[in-house]
Amino acid sequence: MSSNIAQNYPYTSESETERARTVQKALQDTPDLVQKVAAEAIPLGQVEPDARWWVWVCSSDGGLGRLHVAGYSRDHRGVYAVCDTCGKSFLR
């Protein structure tokens, strides 16, 4: 059975400010992604300003994009991430 739930290690980490800015840009660049994230993810809510978030390499675009946390999965245990280049979403 295949799945897009991650089995790999994080690539790096980013601050809450960097994460929010990158996710907002990814959502603006891919209008269909806004509805998908709203339907499949729970918002992060209040986040500490000095919080750090993991970033992963996107496997669907040849490793060019990075996956940034956009919320928590509604149906599975884990975080919901979006790619900053290909506009796809993944469970991590």
PDB file of N, CA and C in Angstrom:
ATOM      1  N   MET A   1       0.847  -1.167   0.000  1.00  0.00           N
ATOM      2  CA  MET A   1       0.000   0.000   0.000  1.00  0.00           C
ATOM      3  C   MET A   1       0.897   1.235   0.000  1.00  0.00           C
ATOM      4  N   SER A   2       0.671   2.112  -0.931  1.00  0.00           N
ATOM      5  CA  SER A   2       1.471   3.327  -0.986  1.00  0.00           C
ATOM      6  C   SER A   2       0.832   4.422  -0.136  1.00  0.00           C
ATOM      7  N   SER A   3       1.644   5.370   0.250  1.00  0.00           N
ATOM      8  CA  SER A   3       1.170   6.457   1.095  1.00  0.00           C
ATOM      9  C   SER A   3       2.089   7.650   0.901  1.00  0.00           C
ATOM     10  N   ASN A   4       1.562   8.848   1.121  1.00  0.00           N
ATOM     11  CA  ASN A   4       2.438  10.012   1.065  1.00  0.00           C
ATOM     12  C   ASN A   4       2.818  10.474   2.464  1.00  0.00           C
ATOM     13  N   ILE A   5       2.596   9.630   3.462  1.00  0.00           N
ATOM     14  CA  ILE A   5       3.015   9.959   4.816  1.00  0.00           C
ATOM     15  C   ILE A   5       4.520   9.732   4.908  1.00  0.00           C
ATOM     16  N   ALA A   6       5.219  10.710   5.390  1.00  0.00           N
ATOM     17  CA  ALA A   6       6.681  10.732   5.336  1.00  0.00           C
ATOM     18  C   ALA A   6       7.327   9.602   6.110  1.00  0.00           C
ATOM     19  N   GLN A   7       8.408   9.111   5.560  1.00  0.00           N
ATOM     20  CA  GLN A   7       9.240   8.116   6.208  1.00  0.00           C
ATOM     21  C   GLN A   7      10.686   8.619   6.255  1.00  0.00           C
ATOM     22  N   ASN A   8      10.910   9.888   5.966  1.00  0.00           N
ATOM     23  CA  ASN A   8      12.280  10.402   5.884  1.00  0.00           C
ATOM     24  C   ASN A   8      12.554  11.440   6.967  1.00  0.00           C
ATOM     25  N   TYR A   9      13.797  11.881   7.005  1.00  0.00           N
ATOM     26  CA  TYR A   9      14.231  12.827   8.019  1.00  0.00           C
ATOM     27  C   TYR A   9      14.078  14.267   7.539  1.00  0.00           C
ATOM     28  N   PRO A  10      13.904  15.208   8.467  1.00  0.00           N
ATOM     29  CA  PRO A  10      13.826  16.620   8.082  1.00  0.00           C
ATOM     30  C   PRO A  10      15.109  17.097   7.413  1.00  0.00           C
ATOM     31  N   TYR A  11      14.965  18.088   6.555  1.00  0.00           N
ATOM     32  CA  TYR A  11      16.083  18.678   5.833  1.00  0.00           C
ATOM     33  C   TYR A  11      16.726  19.795   6.650  1.00  0.00           C
ATOM     34  N   THR A  12      15.888  20.642   7.224  1.00  0.00           N
ATOM     35  CA  THR A  12      16.358  21.776   8.031  1.00  0.00           C
ATOM     36  C   THR A  12      15.196  22.233   8.901  1.00  0.00           C
ATOM     37  N   SER A  13      15.339  23.377   9.542  1.00  0.00           N
ATOM     38  CA  SER A  13      14.229  23.966  10.293  1.00  0.00           C
ATOM     39  C   SER A  13      14.144  25.440   9.938  1.00  0.00           C
ATOM     40  N   GLU A  14      12.993  26.030  10.271  1.00  0.00           N
ATOM     41  CA  GLU A  14      12.775  27.447   9.979  1.00  0.00           C
ATOM     42  C   GLU A  14      11.986  28.075  11.119  1.00  0.00           C
ATOM     43  N   SER A  15      12.082  29.387  11.231  1.00  0.00           N
ATOM     44  CA  SER A  15      11.354  30.102  12.279  1.00  0.00           C
ATOM     45  C   SER A  15       9.876  30.193  11.917  1.00  0.00           C
ATOM     46  N   GLU A  16       9.059  30.542  12.887  1.00  0.00           N
ATOM     47  CA  GLU A  16       7.622  30.721  12.651  1.00  0.00           C
ATOM     48  C   GLU A  16       7.380  31.787  11.588  1.00  0.00           C
ATOM     49  N   THR A  17       8.141  32.868  11.612  1.00  0.00           N
ATOM     50  CA  THR A  17       7.982  33.939  10.627  1.00  0.00           C
ATOM     51  C   THR A  17       8.292  33.436   9.221  1.00  0.00           C
ATOM     52  N   GLU A  18       9.386  32.706   9.067  1.00  0.00           N
ATOM     53  CA  GLU A  18       9.746  32.152   7.752  1.00  0.00           C
ATOM     54  C   GLU A  18       8.690  31.170   7.272  1.00  0.00           C
ATOM     55  N   ARG A  19       8.222  30.300   8.182  1.00  0.00           N
ATOM     56  CA  ARG A  19       7.216  29.303   7.830  1.00  0.00           C
ATOM     57  C   ARG A  19       5.937  29.967   7.353  1.00  0.00           C
ATOM     58  N   ALA A  20       5.431  30.917   8.118  1.00  0.00           N
ATOM     59  CA  ALA A  20       4.178  31.588   7.765  1.00  0.00           C
ATOM     60  C   ALA A  20       4.285  32.315   6.430  1.00  0.00           C
ATOM     61  N   ARG A  21       5.390  32.995   6.196  1.00  0.00           N
ATOM     62  CA  ARG A  21       5.601  33.726   4.950  1.00  0.00           C
ATOM     63  C   ARG A  21       5.654  32.770   3.752  1.00  0.00           C
ATOM     64  N   THR A  22       6.373  31.665   3.892  1.00  0.00           N
ATOM     65  CA  THR A  22       6.517  30.714   2.792  1.00  0.00           C
ATOM     66  C   THR A  22       5.204  30.002   2.490  1.00  0.00           C
ATOM     67  N   VAL A  23       4.473  29.606   3.523  1.00  0.00           N
ATOM     68  CA  VAL A  23       3.181  28.947   3.307  1.00  0.00           C
ATOM     69  C   VAL A  23       2.206  29.915   2.650  1.00  0.00           C
ATOM     70  N   GLN A  24       2.164  31.151   3.091  1.00  0.00           N
ATOM     71  CA  GLN A  24       1.275  32.151   2.487  1.00  0.00           C
ATOM     72  C   GLN A  24       1.589  32.331   1.002  1.00  0.00           C
ATOM     73  N   LYS A  25       2.852  32.393   0.645  1.00  0.00           N
ATOM     74  CA  LYS A  25       3.247  32.538  -0.754  1.00  0.00           C
ATOM     75  C   LYS A  25       2.846  31.311  -1.563  1.00  0.00           C
ATOM     76  N   ALA A  26       3.041  30.112  -1.008  1.00  0.00           N
ATOM     77  CA  ALA A  26       2.646  28.878  -1.703  1.00  0.00           C
ATOM     78  C   ALA A  26       1.141  28.849  -1.944  1.00  0.00           C
ATOM     79  N   LEU A  27       0.362  29.313  -0.966  1.00  0.00           N
ATOM     80  CA  LEU A  27      -1.095  29.353  -1.128  1.00  0.00           C
ATOM     81  C   LEU A  27      -1.506  30.389  -2.169  1.00  0.00           C
ATOM     82  N   GLN A  28      -0.820  31.510  -2.233  1.00  0.00           N
ATOM     83  CA  GLN A  28      -1.124  32.527  -3.240  1.00  0.00           C
ATOM     84  C   GLN A  28      -0.764  32.045  -4.636  1.00  0.00           C
ATOM     85  N   ASP A  29       0.335  31.307  -4.756  1.00  0.00           N
ATOM     86  CA  ASP A  29       0.795  30.832  -6.059  1.00  0.00           C
ATOM     87  C   ASP A  29      -0.047  29.685  -6.606  1.00  0.00           C
ATOM     88  N   THR A  30      -0.743  28.955  -5.738  1.00  0.00           N
ATOM     89  CA  THR A  30      -1.549  27.799  -6.138  1.00  0.00           C
ATOM     90  C   THR A  30      -2.944  27.944  -5.544  1.00  0.00           C
ATOM     91  N   PRO A  31      -3.864  28.627  -6.253  1.00  0.00           N
ATOM     92  CA  PRO A  31      -5.194  28.894  -5.700  1.00  0.00           C
ATOM     93  C   PRO A  31      -5.977  27.639  -5.279  1.00  0.00           C
ATOM     94  N   ASP A  32      -5.830  26.523  -5.991  1.00  0.00           N
ATOM     95  CA  ASP A  32      -6.550  25.299  -5.618  1.00  0.00           C
ATOM     96  C   ASP A  32      -6.078  24.741  -4.281  1.00  0.00           C
ATOM     97  N   LEU A  33      -4.857  25.079  -3.902  1.00  0.00           N
ATOM     98  CA  LEU A  33      -4.289  24.578  -2.662  1.00  0.00           C
ATOM     99  C   LEU A  33      -4.990  25.168  -1.439  1.00  0.00           C
ATOM    100  N   VAL A  34      -5.527  26.350  -1.557  1.00  0.00           N
ATOM    101  CA  VAL A  34      -6.209  26.999  -0.426  1.00  0.00           C
ATOM    102  C   VAL A  34      -7.388  26.148   0.039  1.00  0.00           C
ATOM    103  N   GLN A  35      -8.243  25.714  -0.898  1.00  0.00           N
ATOM    104  CA  GLN A  35      -9.396  24.885  -0.549  1.00  0.00           C
ATOM    105  C   GLN A  35      -8.969  23.520  -0.024  1.00  0.00           C
ATOM    106  N   LYS A  36      -7.916  22.956  -0.618  1.00  0.00           N
ATOM    107  CA  LYS A  36      -7.443  21.644  -0.183  1.00  0.00           C
ATOM    108  C   LYS A  36      -6.925  21.700   1.252  1.00  0.00           C
ATOM    109  N   VAL A  37      -6.131  22.716   1.571  1.00  0.00           N
ATOM    110  CA  VAL A  37      -5.610  22.858   2.934  1.00  0.00           C
ATOM    111  C   VAL A  37      -6.759  23.086   3.918  1.00  0.00           C
ATOM    112  N   ALA A  38      -7.730  23.908   3.544  1.00  0.00           N
ATOM    113  CA  ALA A  38      -8.868  24.175   4.421  1.00  0.00           C
ATOM    114  C   ALA A  38      -9.672  22.906   4.706  1.00  0.00           C
ATOM    115  N   ALA A  39      -9.785  22.026   3.715  1.00  0.00           N
ATOM    116  CA  ALA A  39     -10.571  20.803   3.878  1.00  0.00           C
ATOM    117  C   ALA A  39      -9.810  19.705   4.617  1.00  0.00           C
ATOM    118  N   GLU A  40      -8.489  19.663   4.473  1.00  0.00           N
ATOM    119  CA  GLU A  40      -7.723  18.531   4.991  1.00  0.00           C
ATOM    120  C   GLU A  40      -6.870  18.839   6.221  1.00  0.00           C
ATOM    121  N   ALA A  41      -6.763  20.120   6.598  1.00  0.00           N
ATOM    122  CA  ALA A  41      -5.878  20.475   7.712  1.00  0.00           C
ATOM    123  C   ALA A  41      -6.579  21.345   8.745  1.00  0.00           C
ATOM    124  N   ILE A  42      -6.102  21.241   9.952  1.00  0.00           N
ATOM    125  CA  ILE A  42      -6.554  22.077  11.059  1.00  0.00           C
ATOM    126  C   ILE A  42      -5.501  23.173  11.230  1.00  0.00           C
ATOM    127  N   PRO A  43      -5.904  24.433  11.348  1.00  0.00           N
ATOM    128  CA  PRO A  43      -4.918  25.513  11.523  1.00  0.00           C
ATOM    129  C   PRO A  43      -4.051  25.294  12.759  1.00  0.00           C
ATOM    130  N   LEU A  44      -2.865  25.848  12.727  1.00  0.00           N
ATOM    131  CA  LEU A  44      -1.929  25.695  13.835  1.00  0.00           C
ATOM    132  C   LEU A  44      -2.365  26.426  15.090  1.00  0.00           C
ATOM    133  N   GLY A  45      -3.162  27.472  14.947  1.00  0.00           N
ATOM    134  CA  GLY A  45      -3.592  28.244  16.107  1.00  0.00           C
ATOM    135  C   GLY A  45      -2.493  29.164  16.585  1.00  0.00           C
ATOM    136  N   GLN A  46      -2.502  29.502  17.869  1.00  0.00           N
ATOM    137  CA  GLN A  46      -1.479  30.376  18.434  1.00  0.00           C
ATOM    138  C   GLN A  46      -0.145  29.645  18.484  1.00  0.00           C
ATOM    139  N   VAL A  47       0.865  30.269  17.903  1.00  0.00           N
ATOM    140  CA  VAL A  47       2.202  29.680  17.878  1.00  0.00           C
ATOM    141  C   VAL A  47       3.170  30.674  18.505  1.00  0.00           C
ATOM    142  N   GLU A  48       4.048  30.168  19.319  1.00  0.00           N
ATOM    143  CA  GLU A  48       5.073  31.023  19.926  1.00  0.00           C
ATOM    144  C   GLU A  48       5.918  31.676  18.835  1.00  0.00           C
ATOM    145  N   PRO A  49       6.230  32.962  18.959  1.00  0.00           N
ATOM    146  CA  PRO A  49       7.010  33.653  17.927  1.00  0.00           C
ATOM    147  C   PRO A  49       8.397  33.059  17.695  1.00  0.00           C
ATOM    148  N   ASP A  50       8.968  32.430  18.725  1.00  0.00           N
ATOM    149  CA  ASP A  50      10.304  31.857  18.553  1.00  0.00           C
ATOM    150  C   ASP A  50      10.272  30.354  18.251  1.00  0.00           C
ATOM    151  N   ALA A  51       9.101  29.832  17.870  1.00  0.00           N
ATOM    152  CA  ALA A  51       8.964  28.411  17.531  1.00  0.00           C
ATOM    153  C   ALA A  51       9.761  28.088  16.269  1.00  0.00           C
ATOM    154  N   ARG A  52      10.253  26.860  16.190  1.00  0.00           N
ATOM    155  CA  ARG A  52      10.966  26.377  15.006  1.00  0.00           C
ATOM    156  C   ARG A  52      10.169  25.221  14.428  1.00  0.00           C
ATOM    157  N   TRP A  53      10.145  25.134  13.105  1.00  0.00           N
ATOM    158  CA  TRP A  53       9.396  24.093  12.397  1.00  0.00           C
ATOM    159  C   TRP A  53      10.319  23.343  11.459  1.00  0.00           C
ATOM    160  N   TRP A  54      10.088  22.038  11.312  1.00  0.00           N
ATOM    161  CA  TRP A  54      10.880  21.231  10.392  1.00  0.00           C
ATOM    162  C   TRP A  54      10.514  21.560   8.956  1.00  0.00           C
ATOM    163  N   VAL A  55      11.489  21.387   8.069  1.00  0.00           N
ATOM    164  CA  VAL A  55      11.312  21.538   6.621  1.00  0.00           C
ATOM    165  C   VAL A  55      11.859  20.267   5.981  1.00  0.00           C
ATOM    166  N   TRP A  56      11.103  19.706   5.018  1.00  0.00           N
ATOM    167  CA  TRP A  56      11.521  18.491   4.330  1.00  0.00           C
ATOM    168  C   TRP A  56      11.731  18.774   2.842  1.00  0.00           C
ATOM    169  N   VAL A  57      12.466  17.899   2.174  1.00  0.00           N
ATOM    170  CA  VAL A  57      12.664  17.986   0.731  1.00  0.00           C
ATOM    171  C   VAL A  57      11.451  17.346   0.060  1.00  0.00           C
ATOM    172  N   CYS A  58      10.909  17.997  -0.969  1.00  0.00           N
ATOM    173  CA  CYS A  58       9.758  17.471  -1.706  1.00  0.00           C
ATOM    174  C   CYS A  58      10.228  16.363  -2.644  1.00  0.00           C
ATOM    175  N   SER A  59       9.588  15.229  -2.555  1.00  0.00           N
ATOM    176  CA  SER A  59       9.971  14.084  -3.389  1.00  0.00           C
ATOM    177  C   SER A  59       9.279  14.081  -4.747  1.00  0.00           C
ATOM    178  N   SER A  60       8.273  14.907  -4.927  1.00  0.00           N
ATOM    179  CA  SER A  60       7.511  14.851  -6.180  1.00  0.00           C
ATOM    180  C   SER A  60       8.067  15.751  -7.271  1.00  0.00           C
ATOM    181  N   ASP A  61       8.968  16.657  -6.952  1.00  0.00           N
ATOM    182  CA  ASP A  61       9.502  17.554  -7.987  1.00  0.00           C
ATOM    183  C   ASP A  61      11.015  17.407  -8.161  1.00  0.00           C
ATOM    184  N   GLY A  62      11.513  16.219  -7.887  1.00  0.00           N
ATOM    185  CA  GLY A  62      12.927  15.961  -8.058  1.00  0.00           C
ATOM    186  C   GLY A  62      13.814  16.567  -6.990  1.00  0.00           C
ATOM    187  N   GLY A  63      13.261  16.903  -5.861  1.00  0.00           N
ATOM    188  CA  GLY A  63      14.043  17.457  -4.758  1.00  0.00           C
ATOM    189  C   GLY A  63      14.273  18.956  -4.829  1.00  0.00           C
ATOM    190  N   LEU A  64      13.589  19.653  -5.726  1.00  0.00           N
ATOM    191  CA  LEU A  64      13.764  21.102  -5.843  1.00  0.00           C
ATOM    192  C   LEU A  64      13.019  21.870  -4.761  1.00  0.00           C
ATOM    193  N   GLY A  65      11.804  21.443  -4.459  1.00  0.00           N
ATOM    194  CA  GLY A  65      10.969  22.167  -3.501  1.00  0.00           C
ATOM    195  C   GLY A  65      11.206  21.729  -2.070  1.00  0.00           C
ATOM    196  N   ARG A  66      10.668  22.523  -1.169  1.00  0.00           N
ATOM    197  CA  ARG A  66      10.734  22.225   0.258  1.00  0.00           C
ATOM    198  C   ARG A  66       9.319  22.197   0.809  1.00  0.00           C
ATOM    199  N   LEU A  67       9.082  21.292   1.759  1.00  0.00           N
ATOM    200  CA  LEU A  67       7.769  21.145   2.380  1.00  0.00           C
ATOM    201  C   LEU A  67       7.744  21.914   3.689  1.00  0.00           C
ATOM    202  N   HIS A  68       6.733  22.779   3.827  1.00  0.00           N
ATOM    203  CA  HIS A  68       6.587  23.646   4.995  1.00  0.00           C
ATOM    204  C   HIS A  68       5.269  23.328   5.685  1.00  0.00           C
ATOM    205  N   VAL A  69       5.265  23.330   7.001  1.00  0.00           N
ATOM    206  CA  VAL A  69       4.083  22.993   7.796  1.00  0.00           C
ATOM    207  C   VAL A  69       2.992  24.035   7.580  1.00  0.00           C
ATOM    208  N   ALA A  70       1.782  23.564   7.196  1.00  0.00           N
ATOM    209  CA  ALA A  70       0.645  24.455   6.975  1.00  0.00           C
ATOM    210  C   ALA A  70      -0.469  24.222   7.988  1.00  0.00           C
ATOM    211  N   GLY A  71      -0.348  23.182   8.809  1.00  0.00           N
ATOM    212  CA  GLY A  71      -1.367  22.881   9.805  1.00  0.00           C
ATOM    213  C   GLY A  71      -1.204  21.460  10.306  1.00  0.00           C
ATOM    214  N   TYR A  72      -2.234  20.970  11.003  1.00  0.00           N
ATOM    215  CA  TYR A  72      -2.267  19.595  11.479  1.00  0.00           C
ATOM    216  C   TYR A  72      -3.282  18.830  10.657  1.00  0.00           C
ATOM    217  N   SER A  73      -3.013  17.580  10.365  1.00  0.00           N
ATOM    218  CA  SER A  73      -3.921  16.761   9.574  1.00  0.00           C
ATOM    219  C   SER A  73      -5.242  16.545  10.311  1.00  0.00           C
ATOM    220  N   ARG A  74      -6.344  16.648   9.582  1.00  0.00           N
ATOM    221  CA  ARG A  74      -7.665  16.393  10.176  1.00  0.00           C
ATOM    222  C   ARG A  74      -7.899  14.908  10.430  1.00  0.00           C
ATOM    223  N   ASP A  75      -7.440  14.065   9.514  1.00  0.00           N
ATOM    224  CA  ASP A  75      -7.784  12.642   9.557  1.00  0.00           C
ATOM    225  C   ASP A  75      -6.666  11.717  10.016  1.00  0.00           C
ATOM    226  N   HIS A  76      -5.444  12.211  10.082  1.00  0.00           N
ATOM    227  CA  HIS A  76      -4.310  11.380  10.460  1.00  0.00           C
ATOM    228  C   HIS A  76      -3.487  12.103  11.518  1.00  0.00           C
ATOM    229  N   ARG A  77      -2.669  11.365  12.171  1.00  0.00           N
ATOM    230  CA  ARG A  77      -1.798  11.955  13.175  1.00  0.00           C
ATOM    231  C   ARG A  77      -0.550  12.488  12.469  1.00  0.00           C
ATOM    232  N   GLY A  78      -0.326  13.767  12.526  1.00  0.00           N
ATOM    233  CA  GLY A  78       0.849  14.350  11.899  1.00  0.00           C
ATOM    234  C   GLY A  78       0.589  15.768  11.441  1.00  0.00           C
ATOM    235  N   VAL A  79       1.621  16.357  10.865  1.00  0.00           N
ATOM    236  CA  VAL A  79       1.476  17.709  10.355  1.00  0.00           C
ATOM    237  C   VAL A  79       1.187  17.667   8.863  1.00  0.00           C
ATOM    238  N   TYR A  80       0.519  18.692   8.402  1.00  0.00           N
ATOM    239  CA  TYR A  80       0.131  18.842   7.007  1.00  0.00           C
ATOM    240  C   TYR A  80       1.092  19.858   6.403  1.00  0.00           C
ATOM    241  N   ALA A  81       1.793  19.458   5.348  1.00  0.00           N
ATOM    242  CA  ALA A  81       2.816  20.317   4.751  1.00  0.00           C
ATOM    243  C   ALA A  81       2.499  20.601   3.287  1.00  0.00           C
ATOM    244  N   VAL A  82       2.933  21.751   2.811  1.00  0.00           N
ATOM    245  CA  VAL A  82       2.765  22.118   1.401  1.00  0.00           C
ATOM    246  C   VAL A  82       4.132  22.413   0.794  1.00  0.00           C
ATOM    247  N   CYS A  83       4.262  22.107  -0.514  1.00  0.00           N
ATOM    248  CA  CYS A  83       5.513  22.340  -1.213  1.00  0.00           C
ATOM    249  C   CYS A  83       5.535  23.771  -1.720  1.00  0.00           C
ATOM    250  N   ASP A  84       6.685  24.410  -1.610  1.00  0.00           N
ATOM    251  CA  ASP A  84       6.815  25.805  -2.044  1.00  0.00           C
ATOM    252  C   ASP A  84       7.054  25.953  -3.543  1.00  0.00           C
ATOM    253  N   THR A  85       7.233  24.833  -4.275  1.00  0.00           N
ATOM    254  CA  THR A  85       7.432  24.955  -5.721  1.00  0.00           C
ATOM    255  C   THR A  85       6.367  24.238  -6.542  1.00  0.00           C
ATOM    256  N   CYS A  86       6.014  23.001  -6.174  1.00  0.00           N
ATOM    257  CA  CYS A  86       5.055  22.254  -7.010  1.00  0.00           C
ATOM    258  C   CYS A  86       3.605  22.429  -6.566  1.00  0.00           C
ATOM    259  N   GLY A  87       3.360  22.965  -5.365  1.00  0.00           N
ATOM    260  CA  GLY A  87       2.006  23.226  -4.911  1.00  0.00           C
ATOM    261  C   GLY A  87       1.245  21.990  -4.435  1.00  0.00           C
ATOM    262  N   LYS A  88       1.924  20.897  -4.148  1.00  0.00           N
ATOM    263  CA  LYS A  88       1.259  19.696  -3.635  1.00  0.00           C
ATOM    264  C   LYS A  88       1.288  19.716  -2.113  1.00  0.00           C
ATOM    265  N   SER A  89       0.436  18.881  -1.520  1.00  0.00           N
ATOM    266  CA  SER A  89       0.387  18.786  -0.071  1.00  0.00           C
ATOM    267  C   SER A  89       0.789  17.376   0.362  1.00  0.00           C
ATOM    268  N   PHE A  90       1.305  17.275   1.575  1.00  0.00           N
ATOM    269  CA  PHE A  90       1.798  16.011   2.096  1.00  0.00           C
ATOM    270  C   PHE A  90       1.534  15.924   3.582  1.00  0.00           C
ATOM    271  N   LEU A  91       1.430  14.685   4.091  1.00  0.00           N
ATOM    272  CA  LEU A  91       1.374  14.445   5.534  1.00  0.00           C
ATOM    273  C   LEU A  91       2.775  14.111   5.989  1.00  0.00           C
ATOM    274  N   ARG A  92       3.193  14.660   7.099  1.00  0.00           N
ATOM    275  CA  ARG A  92       4.543  14.405   7.606  1.00  0.00           C
ATOM    276  C   ARG A  92       4.450  13.771   8.959  1.00  0.00           C
TER     277      ARG A  92
END
